[in-house]
Amino acid sequence: MYGLDDDEVLLEHLSCQNTDYPSSTLRAAHRSMQVHRECLVGQCPAKTAAFGKLKRDGHLVPDSSRVRE
């Protein structure tokens, strides 16, 4: 059973402001992209960090035909 401290740690890991966790491992980056699916790259620091990690490691190839605003 998880305690309150475990929940707080999990929420901190998944916070939009946390850029350390999403860029720490490929697994964390993939998970962060799922958790932050409603967020926008460039606006959400966590999703931006995860996007960068996946792109740098060759696990994400941005669609060149899409226009980013």
N, C-alpha and C. Protein backbone atom coordinates (compact mmCIF):
# COMPACT_ATOMS: atom_id res chain seq x y z
N MET A 1 0.85 -1.18 0.00
CA MET A 1 0.00 0.00 0.00
C MET A 1 0.89 1.24 0.00
N TYR A 2 0.50 2.21 -0.80
CA TYR A 2 1.27 3.44 -0.90
C TYR A 2 0.91 4.40 0.23
N GLY A 3 1.90 5.08 0.73
CA GLY A 3 1.66 6.09 1.74
C GLY A 3 1.54 7.46 1.09
N LEU A 4 1.21 8.45 1.88
CA LEU A 4 1.07 9.81 1.36
C LEU A 4 2.37 10.29 0.75
N ASP A 5 3.50 9.94 1.35
CA ASP A 5 4.78 10.37 0.82
C ASP A 5 5.01 9.81 -0.58
N ASP A 6 4.61 8.56 -0.81
CA ASP A 6 4.75 7.95 -2.14
C ASP A 6 3.90 8.70 -3.17
N ASP A 7 2.68 9.08 -2.78
CA ASP A 7 1.80 9.82 -3.68
C ASP A 7 2.39 11.19 -4.02
N GLU A 8 2.95 11.84 -3.02
CA GLU A 8 3.56 13.15 -3.24
C GLU A 8 4.75 13.05 -4.19
N VAL A 9 5.55 12.01 -4.03
CA VAL A 9 6.70 11.79 -4.90
C VAL A 9 6.23 11.54 -6.33
N LEU A 10 5.20 10.70 -6.48
CA LEU A 10 4.66 10.41 -7.81
C LEU A 10 4.13 11.68 -8.47
N LEU A 11 3.36 12.47 -7.74
CA LEU A 11 2.82 13.70 -8.31
C LEU A 11 3.93 14.68 -8.69
N GLU A 12 4.99 14.71 -7.88
CA GLU A 12 6.11 15.59 -8.19
C GLU A 12 6.81 15.13 -9.48
N HIS A 13 6.96 13.82 -9.64
CA HIS A 13 7.58 13.27 -10.86
C HIS A 13 6.76 13.64 -12.09
N LEU A 14 5.44 13.66 -11.95
CA LEU A 14 4.56 13.87 -13.09
C LEU A 14 4.12 15.32 -13.27
N SER A 15 4.64 16.22 -12.45
CA SER A 15 4.30 17.63 -12.52
C SER A 15 4.79 18.25 -13.83
N CYS A 16 4.04 19.22 -14.32
CA CYS A 16 4.46 19.94 -15.53
C CYS A 16 5.77 20.68 -15.32
N GLN A 17 6.08 21.02 -14.09
CA GLN A 17 7.29 21.80 -13.80
C GLN A 17 8.55 20.95 -13.66
N ASN A 18 8.39 19.64 -13.52
CA ASN A 18 9.54 18.76 -13.34
C ASN A 18 10.13 18.37 -14.69
N THR A 19 11.34 18.81 -14.94
CA THR A 19 12.02 18.47 -16.20
C THR A 19 13.10 17.41 -16.00
N ASP A 20 13.46 17.13 -14.75
CA ASP A 20 14.48 16.13 -14.47
C ASP A 20 13.98 14.71 -14.76
N TYR A 21 12.78 14.39 -14.27
CA TYR A 21 12.24 13.04 -14.46
C TYR A 21 12.02 12.70 -15.93
N PRO A 22 11.34 13.54 -16.71
CA PRO A 22 11.07 13.18 -18.11
C PRO A 22 12.33 12.99 -18.96
N SER A 23 13.40 13.64 -18.59
CA SER A 23 14.62 13.53 -19.39
C SER A 23 15.62 12.54 -18.79
N SER A 24 15.23 11.83 -17.73
CA SER A 24 16.16 10.93 -17.05
C SER A 24 16.37 9.61 -17.79
N THR A 25 15.32 9.01 -18.30
CA THR A 25 15.42 7.73 -19.01
C THR A 25 14.41 7.72 -20.15
N LEU A 26 14.59 6.79 -21.08
CA LEU A 26 13.61 6.66 -22.16
C LEU A 26 12.24 6.26 -21.62
N ARG A 27 12.24 5.37 -20.66
CA ARG A 27 10.96 4.94 -20.06
C ARG A 27 10.24 6.13 -19.42
N ALA A 28 10.97 6.95 -18.69
CA ALA A 28 10.38 8.13 -18.06
C ALA A 28 9.87 9.11 -19.11
N ALA A 29 10.62 9.26 -20.19
CA ALA A 29 10.20 10.16 -21.27
C ALA A 29 8.91 9.67 -21.93
N HIS A 30 8.84 8.37 -22.20
CA HIS A 30 7.62 7.82 -22.80
C HIS A 30 6.43 8.00 -21.86
N ARG A 31 6.64 7.71 -20.58
CA ARG A 31 5.56 7.85 -19.59
C ARG A 31 5.12 9.30 -19.47
N SER A 32 6.06 10.22 -19.49
CA SER A 32 5.73 11.64 -19.39
C SER A 32 4.93 12.11 -20.60
N MET A 33 5.28 11.62 -21.76
CA MET A 33 4.51 11.98 -22.97
C MET A 33 3.07 11.49 -22.84
N GLN A 34 2.87 10.33 -22.24
CA GLN A 34 1.51 9.81 -22.05
C GLN A 34 0.75 10.64 -21.01
N VAL A 35 1.41 10.92 -19.91
CA VAL A 35 0.76 11.68 -18.83
C VAL A 35 0.42 13.09 -19.29
N HIS A 36 1.27 13.69 -20.08
CA HIS A 36 1.11 15.08 -20.52
C HIS A 36 0.55 15.18 -21.94
N ARG A 37 -0.29 14.21 -22.33
CA ARG A 37 -0.81 14.18 -23.70
C ARG A 37 -1.64 15.41 -24.05
N GLU A 38 -2.24 16.04 -23.06
CA GLU A 38 -3.05 17.24 -23.30
C GLU A 38 -2.19 18.52 -23.32
N CYS A 39 -0.97 18.41 -22.86
CA CYS A 39 -0.06 19.56 -22.83
C CYS A 39 0.58 19.76 -24.20
N LEU A 40 1.14 20.93 -24.40
CA LEU A 40 1.80 21.25 -25.66
C LEU A 40 3.31 21.34 -25.47
N VAL A 41 4.04 20.75 -26.42
CA VAL A 41 5.50 20.89 -26.43
C VAL A 41 5.80 22.37 -26.61
N GLY A 42 6.70 22.89 -25.83
CA GLY A 42 7.04 24.30 -25.91
C GLY A 42 6.31 25.12 -24.85
N GLN A 43 5.22 24.58 -24.32
CA GLN A 43 4.50 25.27 -23.25
C GLN A 43 4.62 24.53 -21.93
N CYS A 44 4.61 23.22 -21.97
CA CYS A 44 4.74 22.39 -20.77
C CYS A 44 6.21 21.96 -20.64
N PRO A 45 6.90 22.41 -19.60
CA PRO A 45 8.31 22.05 -19.45
C PRO A 45 8.56 20.54 -19.41
N ALA A 46 7.68 19.78 -18.76
CA ALA A 46 7.88 18.33 -18.66
C ALA A 46 7.74 17.67 -20.02
N LYS A 47 6.71 18.04 -20.78
CA LYS A 47 6.52 17.43 -22.10
C LYS A 47 7.63 17.85 -23.04
N THR A 48 8.08 19.08 -22.93
CA THR A 48 9.18 19.57 -23.77
C THR A 48 10.46 18.79 -23.47
N ALA A 49 10.73 18.52 -22.19
CA ALA A 49 11.92 17.75 -21.80
C ALA A 49 11.82 16.31 -22.31
N ALA A 50 10.64 15.72 -22.18
CA ALA A 50 10.43 14.34 -22.65
C ALA A 50 10.57 14.26 -24.16
N PHE A 51 9.99 15.21 -24.86
CA PHE A 51 10.07 15.27 -26.32
C PHE A 51 11.53 15.36 -26.76
N GLY A 52 12.30 16.23 -26.09
CA GLY A 52 13.72 16.40 -26.42
C GLY A 52 14.51 15.12 -26.19
N LYS A 53 14.25 14.44 -25.08
CA LYS A 53 14.94 13.17 -24.77
C LYS A 53 14.64 12.13 -25.84
N LEU A 54 13.38 11.97 -26.20
CA LEU A 54 13.00 10.99 -27.21
C LEU A 54 13.59 11.34 -28.57
N LYS A 55 13.60 12.60 -28.92
CA LYS A 55 14.15 13.04 -30.20
C LYS A 55 15.67 12.82 -30.25
N ARG A 56 16.37 13.22 -29.19
CA ARG A 56 17.83 13.05 -29.13
C ARG A 56 18.25 11.60 -29.23
N ASP A 57 17.47 10.72 -28.60
CA ASP A 57 17.80 9.30 -28.58
C ASP A 57 17.24 8.53 -29.77
N GLY A 58 16.63 9.24 -30.72
CA GLY A 58 16.15 8.61 -31.94
C GLY A 58 14.87 7.81 -31.80
N HIS A 59 14.12 8.07 -30.73
CA HIS A 59 12.87 7.34 -30.51
C HIS A 59 11.65 8.14 -30.94
N LEU A 60 11.87 9.30 -31.49
CA LEU A 60 10.79 10.14 -31.95
C LEU A 60 11.31 10.93 -33.14
N VAL A 61 10.58 10.88 -34.22
CA VAL A 61 10.93 11.66 -35.39
C VAL A 61 9.76 12.59 -35.66
N PRO A 62 9.95 13.90 -35.43
CA PRO A 62 8.86 14.84 -35.64
C PRO A 62 8.37 14.83 -37.08
N ASP A 63 7.07 15.00 -37.25
CA ASP A 63 6.45 15.07 -38.58
C ASP A 63 6.83 16.40 -39.21
N SER A 64 7.63 16.36 -40.26
CA SER A 64 8.11 17.60 -40.88
C SER A 64 7.01 18.35 -41.61
N SER A 65 5.88 17.71 -41.89
CA SER A 65 4.80 18.39 -42.61
C SER A 65 3.88 19.16 -41.66
N ARG A 66 4.03 18.95 -40.34
CA ARG A 66 3.19 19.67 -39.38
C ARG A 66 3.79 21.03 -39.08
N VAL A 67 2.92 22.00 -38.99
CA VAL A 67 3.34 23.35 -38.66
C VAL A 67 3.12 23.56 -37.17
N ARG A 68 4.19 23.92 -36.46
CA ARG A 68 4.08 24.21 -35.03
C ARG A 68 3.77 25.69 -34.85
N GLU A 69 2.85 25.95 -33.95
CA GLU A 69 2.50 27.35 -33.66
C GLU A 69 3.27 27.87 -32.49
